[in-house]
C-alpha atoms as a PDB file:
ATOM      1  CA  UNK A   1     -14.497  -0.178 -17.315  1.00  0.00           C
ATOM      2  CA  UNK A   2     -15.600   0.723 -13.849  1.00  0.00           C
ATOM      3  CA  UNK A   3     -16.557  -1.561 -11.052  1.00  0.00           C
ATOM      4  CA  UNK A   4     -19.502  -0.310  -9.024  1.00  0.00           C
ATOM      5  CA  UNK A   5     -18.711  -0.868  -5.399  1.00  0.00           C
ATOM      6  CA  UNK A   6     -21.768  -1.145  -2.874  1.00  0.00           C
ATOM      7  CA  UNK A   7     -21.727  -1.497   0.984  1.00  0.00           C
ATOM      8  CA  UNK A   8     -22.744  -5.366   0.546  1.00  0.00           C
ATOM      9  CA  UNK A   9     -19.576  -5.624  -1.666  1.00  0.00           C
ATOM     10  CA  UNK A  10     -17.220  -3.023  -0.807  1.00  0.00           C
ATOM     11  CA  UNK A  11     -15.492  -6.085   1.439  1.00  0.00           C
ATOM     12  CA  UNK A  12     -15.212  -8.205  -1.300  1.00  0.00           C
ATOM     13  CA  UNK A  13     -14.419  -6.278  -4.325  1.00  0.00           C
ATOM     14  CA  UNK A  14     -11.817  -4.124  -2.582  1.00  0.00           C
ATOM     15  CA  UNK A  15     -10.763  -5.130   0.916  1.00  0.00           C
ATOM     16  CA  UNK A  16      -9.831  -8.449  -0.482  1.00  0.00           C
ATOM     17  CA  UNK A  17      -9.098  -8.054  -3.952  1.00  0.00           C
ATOM     18  CA  UNK A  18      -6.118  -9.433  -5.805  1.00  0.00           C
ATOM     19  CA  UNK A  19      -5.228  -6.195  -7.394  1.00  0.00           C
ATOM     20  CA  UNK A  20      -4.670  -2.758  -6.005  1.00  0.00           C
ATOM     21  CA  UNK A  21      -7.876  -0.978  -6.169  1.00  0.00           C
ATOM     22  CA  UNK A  22      -8.492   3.245  -6.609  1.00  0.00           C
ATOM     23  CA  UNK A  23     -11.963   3.543  -5.096  1.00  0.00           C
ATOM     24  CA  UNK A  24     -14.252   6.521  -5.902  1.00  0.00           C
ATOM     25  CA  UNK A  25     -16.190   7.675  -3.782  1.00  0.00           C
ATOM     26  CA  UNK A  26     -18.954   9.692  -5.489  1.00  0.00           C
ATOM     27  CA  UNK A  27     -22.663  11.252  -5.578  1.00  0.00           C
ATOM     28  CA  UNK A  28     -24.052  11.743  -8.869  1.00  0.00           C
ATOM     29  CA  UNK A  29     -25.012  16.030  -7.378  1.00  0.00           C
ATOM     30  CA  UNK A  30     -20.954  16.195  -7.598  1.00  0.00           C
ATOM     31  CA  UNK A  31     -19.707  18.273 -10.752  1.00  0.00           C
ATOM     32  CA  UNK A  32     -16.580  17.561 -10.083  1.00  0.00           C
ATOM     33  CA  UNK A  33     -17.509  13.751  -9.564  1.00  0.00           C
ATOM     34  CA  UNK A  34     -18.617  13.911 -13.028  1.00  0.00           C
ATOM     35  CA  UNK A  35     -15.807  16.014 -14.338  1.00  0.00           C
ATOM     36  CA  UNK A  36     -13.031  12.885 -13.386  1.00  0.00           C
ATOM     37  CA  UNK A  37     -15.506   9.975 -14.446  1.00  0.00           C
ATOM     38  CA  UNK A  38     -13.671   9.804 -17.932  1.00  0.00           C
ATOM     39  CA  UNK A  39     -10.667  10.542 -16.545  1.00  0.00           C
ATOM     40  CA  UNK A  40     -11.189   7.350 -14.602  1.00  0.00           C
ATOM     41  CA  UNK A  41     -12.657   5.312 -17.459  1.00  0.00           C
ATOM     42  CA  UNK A  42      -9.199   6.186 -19.131  1.00  0.00           C
ATOM     43  CA  UNK A  43      -6.939   5.040 -16.288  1.00  0.00           C
ATOM     44  CA  UNK A  44      -9.020   1.706 -16.071  1.00  0.00           C
ATOM     45  CA  UNK A  45      -8.989   0.609 -19.445  1.00  0.00           C
ATOM     46  CA  UNK A  46      -4.823   1.450 -19.569  1.00  0.00           C
ATOM     47  CA  UNK A  47      -4.190  -0.539 -16.385  1.00  0.00           C
ATOM     48  CA  UNK A  48      -6.611  -2.959 -16.974  1.00  0.00           C
ATOM     49  CA  UNK A  49      -5.369  -6.569 -15.075  1.00  0.00           C
ATOM     50  CA  UNK A  50      -2.628  -4.459 -12.614  1.00  0.00           C
ATOM     51  CA  UNK A  51      -5.269  -1.874 -11.428  1.00  0.00           C
ATOM     52  CA  UNK A  52      -9.047  -2.550 -10.421  1.00  0.00           C
ATOM     53  CA  UNK A  53     -11.063   1.260 -10.843  1.00  0.00           C
ATOM     54  CA  UNK A  54     -14.114   1.273  -8.928  1.00  0.00           C
ATOM     55  CA  UNK A  55     -17.185   3.580  -8.199  1.00  0.00           C
ATOM     56  CA  UNK A  56     -19.185   4.068  -4.899  1.00  0.00           C
ATOM     57  CA  UNK A  57     -22.023   6.540  -4.339  1.00  0.00           C
ATOM     58  CA  UNK A  58     -22.121   7.926  -1.168  1.00  0.00           C
ATOM     59  CA  UNK A  59     -25.662   8.945  -1.208  1.00  0.00           C
ATOM     60  CA  UNK A  60     -26.609   5.013  -1.591  1.00  0.00           C
ATOM     61  CA  UNK A  61     -23.272   3.961   0.367  1.00  0.00           C
ATOM     62  CA  UNK A  62     -23.267   5.619   3.563  1.00  0.00           C
ATOM     63  CA  UNK A  63     -21.790   3.357   5.672  1.00  0.00           C
ATOM     64  CA  UNK A  64     -18.727   2.477   3.587  1.00  0.00           C
ATOM     65  CA  UNK A  65     -18.068   6.122   3.304  1.00  0.00           C
ATOM     66  CA  UNK A  66     -18.344   6.842   7.002  1.00  0.00           C
ATOM     67  CA  UNK A  67     -16.212   4.452   7.746  1.00  0.00           C
ATOM     68  CA  UNK A  68     -13.376   5.997   5.638  1.00  0.00           C
ATOM     69  CA  UNK A  69     -14.005   9.103   6.558  1.00  0.00           C
ATOM     70  CA  UNK A  70     -14.956  10.417   3.752  1.00  0.00           C
ATOM     71  CA  UNK A  71     -15.817  14.227   3.695  1.00  0.00           C
ATOM     72  CA  UNK A  72     -15.521  15.607   0.901  1.00  0.00           C
ATOM     73  CA  UNK A  73     -16.512  14.616  -3.122  1.00  0.00           C
ATOM     74  CA  UNK A  74     -14.457  13.262  -5.174  1.00  0.00           C
ATOM     75  CA  UNK A  75     -12.315  11.402  -2.555  1.00  0.00           C
ATOM     76  CA  UNK A  76     -10.392   8.637  -4.303  1.00  0.00           C
ATOM     77  CA  UNK A  77      -8.614   5.922  -2.146  1.00  0.00           C
ATOM     78  CA  UNK A  78      -5.649   3.723  -3.305  1.00  0.00           C
ATOM     79  CA  UNK A  79      -6.707   0.177  -1.494  1.00  0.00           C
ATOM     80  CA  UNK A  80      -2.872  -2.177  -1.738  1.00  0.00           C
ATOM     81  CA  UNK A  81      -3.615  -5.549   0.236  1.00  0.00           C
ATOM     82  CA  UNK A  82      -7.000  -4.255   1.806  1.00  0.00           C
ATOM     83  CA  UNK A  83      -5.228  -1.031   3.379  1.00  0.00           C
ATOM     84  CA  UNK A  84      -5.500   2.495   2.138  1.00  0.00           C
ATOM     85  CA  UNK A  85      -2.258   3.911   0.927  1.00  0.00           C
ATOM     86  CA  UNK A  86      -3.008   6.825  -0.168  1.00  0.00           C
ATOM     87  CA  UNK A  87      -5.947   9.111  -0.798  1.00  0.00           C
ATOM     88  CA  UNK A  88      -6.900  12.099  -3.490  1.00  0.00           C
ATOM     89  CA  UNK A  89      -9.017  14.774  -2.574  1.00  0.00           C
ATOM     90  CA  UNK A  90     -10.789  16.514  -5.120  1.00  0.00           C
ATOM     91  CA  UNK A  91     -11.004  16.639  -9.148  1.00  0.00           C
ATOM     92  CA  UNK A  92      -7.538  15.958 -10.590  1.00  0.00           C
ATOM     93  CA  UNK A  93      -5.799  15.871 -13.815  1.00  0.00           C
ATOM     94  CA  UNK A  94      -4.898  12.373 -15.240  1.00  0.00           C
ATOM     95  CA  UNK A  95      -1.047  13.333 -14.661  1.00  0.00           C
ATOM     96  CA  UNK A  96      -1.757  13.923 -10.871  1.00  0.00           C
ATOM     97  CA  UNK A  97      -3.448  10.878 -10.511  1.00  0.00           C
ATOM     98  CA  UNK A  98      -1.544   9.113 -12.222  1.00  0.00           C
ATOM     99  CA  UNK A  99       1.422  10.532 -10.179  1.00  0.00           C
ATOM    100  CA  UNK A 100       0.036   9.540  -6.784  1.00  0.00           C
ATOM    101  CA  UNK A 101      -0.840   5.734  -7.987  1.00  0.00           C
ATOM    102  CA  UNK A 102       2.947   5.658  -9.220  1.00  0.00           C
ATOM    103  CA  UNK A 103       4.112   6.670  -5.812  1.00  0.00           C
ATOM    104  CA  UNK A 104       2.638   3.481  -4.615  1.00  0.00           C
ATOM    105  CA  UNK A 105       2.682   1.116  -7.445  1.00  0.00           C
ATOM    106  CA  UNK A 106       5.581   2.027  -9.869  1.00  0.00           C
ATOM    107  CA  UNK A 107       5.220  -1.420 -11.991  1.00  0.00           C
ATOM    108  CA  UNK A 108       1.363   0.289 -12.424  1.00  0.00           C
ATOM    109  CA  UNK A 109       2.478   3.403 -14.055  1.00  0.00           C
ATOM    110  CA  UNK A 110       5.428   2.113 -15.472  1.00  0.00           C
ATOM    111  CA  UNK A 111       3.808  -0.721 -17.399  1.00  0.00           C
ATOM    112  CA  UNK A 112       1.305   1.666 -18.788  1.00  0.00           C
ATOM    113  CA  UNK A 113       4.244   4.385 -20.777  1.00  0.00           C
END
């Protein structure tokens, strides 16, 4: 399950999260954003309890997107203890996303193999 984040909930759900958070900055009108959504849903299901996968609609929540410096979509930020440890811009295959996550969270990927 992908968690929905808003400007109002960003601090609580992402910055203060106990788990690492993969946050997808997305928009309804963005075709690559729609393409990556099923991949993110798979990752969310496989990594449940180890990684929170979330999305934030940039049109409805511009303050967070601007503060994060998001210029293109999809942009995926990986947050650990409130800080960004990796950023992925553009739709990527699941294997590429998992490689990036593994660089920063090896236990997450190791548990899913």
